[in-house]
Amino acid sequence: MPYSKTDYPASLKNFMAPVRNKAIEIANALLADGNDESKAIAIATAQAEKWAESRGIRTRKKGK
């Protein structure tokens, strides 16, 4: 199931929008390549966090 900026896994709800959007982009690419959903979400989350950290972008909303 492809994800969008308004329809994404609950596990991404506490991420800042740029990080969440990057995770969605990565997850959709992984799903298109035939990966299963849970694996795609896990990989996308980890990669989006690395992407944000390398750019000095805060990953999670305050208090999370």
C-alpha atoms as a PDB file:
ATOM      1  CA  MET A   1       0.000   0.000   0.000  1.00  0.00           C
ATOM      2  CA  PRO A   2       1.655   3.264  -1.028  1.00  0.00           C
ATOM      3  CA  TYR A   3       1.793   5.939   1.642  1.00  0.00           C
ATOM      4  CA  SER A   4       1.235   9.686   1.350  1.00  0.00           C
ATOM      5  CA  LYS A   5       1.754  12.803   3.470  1.00  0.00           C
ATOM      6  CA  THR A   6      -1.723  12.311   4.927  1.00  0.00           C
ATOM      7  CA  ASP A   7      -1.851   8.502   5.031  1.00  0.00           C
ATOM      8  CA  TYR A   8       1.185   6.947   6.677  1.00  0.00           C
ATOM      9  CA  PRO A   9       1.983   4.346   9.363  1.00  0.00           C
ATOM     10  CA  ALA A  10       1.233   5.347  12.957  1.00  0.00           C
ATOM     11  CA  SER A  11       4.881   4.701  13.810  1.00  0.00           C
ATOM     12  CA  LEU A  12       5.802   7.855  11.873  1.00  0.00           C
ATOM     13  CA  LYS A  13       3.392  10.224  13.641  1.00  0.00           C
ATOM     14  CA  ASN A  14       5.973  11.656  16.073  1.00  0.00           C
ATOM     15  CA  PHE A  15       8.533  12.484  13.414  1.00  0.00           C
ATOM     16  CA  MET A  16       9.054  15.992  12.111  1.00  0.00           C
ATOM     17  CA  ALA A  17       7.410  16.462   8.701  1.00  0.00           C
ATOM     18  CA  PRO A  18      10.615  16.448   6.582  1.00  0.00           C
ATOM     19  CA  VAL A  19      11.793  13.222   8.218  1.00  0.00           C
ATOM     20  CA  ARG A  20       8.359  11.613   7.959  1.00  0.00           C
ATOM     21  CA  ASN A  21       8.132  12.609   4.290  1.00  0.00           C
ATOM     22  CA  LYS A  22      11.561  11.112   3.586  1.00  0.00           C
ATOM     23  CA  ALA A  23      10.531   7.894   5.354  1.00  0.00           C
ATOM     24  CA  ILE A  24       7.355   7.773   3.244  1.00  0.00           C
ATOM     25  CA  GLU A  25       9.397   8.260   0.079  1.00  0.00           C
ATOM     26  CA  ILE A  26      11.818   5.485   1.043  1.00  0.00           C
ATOM     27  CA  ALA A  27       9.050   3.112   2.167  1.00  0.00           C
ATOM     28  CA  ASN A  28       7.149   3.574  -1.089  1.00  0.00           C
ATOM     29  CA  ALA A  29      10.293   2.812  -3.091  1.00  0.00           C
ATOM     30  CA  LEU A  30      10.927  -0.323  -1.042  1.00  0.00           C
ATOM     31  CA  LEU A  31       7.313  -1.458  -1.455  1.00  0.00           C
ATOM     32  CA  ALA A  32       7.552  -0.882  -5.210  1.00  0.00           C
ATOM     33  CA  ASP A  33      10.617  -3.152  -5.219  1.00  0.00           C
ATOM     34  CA  GLY A  34       8.567  -5.919  -3.619  1.00  0.00           C
ATOM     35  CA  ASN A  35       9.606  -5.690   0.038  1.00  0.00           C
ATOM     36  CA  ASP A  36       6.996  -6.562   2.637  1.00  0.00           C
ATOM     37  CA  GLU A  37       5.317  -3.685   4.456  1.00  0.00           C
ATOM     38  CA  SER A  38       6.791  -4.146   7.935  1.00  0.00           C
ATOM     39  CA  LYS A  39      10.317  -4.494   6.581  1.00  0.00           C
ATOM     40  CA  ALA A  40       9.885  -1.455   4.331  1.00  0.00           C
ATOM     41  CA  ILE A  41       8.679   0.702   7.231  1.00  0.00           C
ATOM     42  CA  ALA A  42      11.529  -0.375   9.501  1.00  0.00           C
ATOM     43  CA  ILE A  43      14.188   0.281   6.863  1.00  0.00           C
ATOM     44  CA  ALA A  44      12.610   3.573   5.814  1.00  0.00           C
ATOM     45  CA  THR A  45      12.447   4.820   9.394  1.00  0.00           C
ATOM     46  CA  ALA A  46      16.092   4.037  10.064  1.00  0.00           C
ATOM     47  CA  GLN A  47      17.259   5.548   6.784  1.00  0.00           C
ATOM     48  CA  ALA A  48      15.169   8.706   7.224  1.00  0.00           C
ATOM     49  CA  GLU A  49      16.646   9.216  10.693  1.00  0.00           C
ATOM     50  CA  LYS A  50      20.170   8.887   9.284  1.00  0.00           C
ATOM     51  CA  TRP A  51      19.241  11.271   6.452  1.00  0.00           C
ATOM     52  CA  ALA A  52      17.992  13.881   8.950  1.00  0.00           C
ATOM     53  CA  GLU A  53      20.935  13.543  11.316  1.00  0.00           C
ATOM     54  CA  SER A  54      23.426  14.007   8.481  1.00  0.00           C
ATOM     55  CA  ARG A  55      21.669  17.282   7.633  1.00  0.00           C
ATOM     56  CA  GLY A  56      21.242  18.521  11.187  1.00  0.00           C
ATOM     57  CA  ILE A  57      17.461  18.191  11.049  1.00  0.00           C
ATOM     58  CA  ARG A  58      15.626  17.375  14.269  1.00  0.00           C
ATOM     59  CA  THR A  59      13.962  13.984  13.846  1.00  0.00           C
ATOM     60  CA  ARG A  60      11.141  13.966  16.387  1.00  0.00           C
ATOM     61  CA  LYS A  61       8.564  16.421  17.658  1.00  0.00           C
ATOM     62  CA  LYS A  62       9.199  18.036  21.041  1.00  0.00           C
ATOM     63  CA  GLY A  63       8.699  15.803  24.023  1.00  0.00           C
ATOM     64  CA  LYS A  64       9.057  12.629  21.983  1.00  0.00           C
END
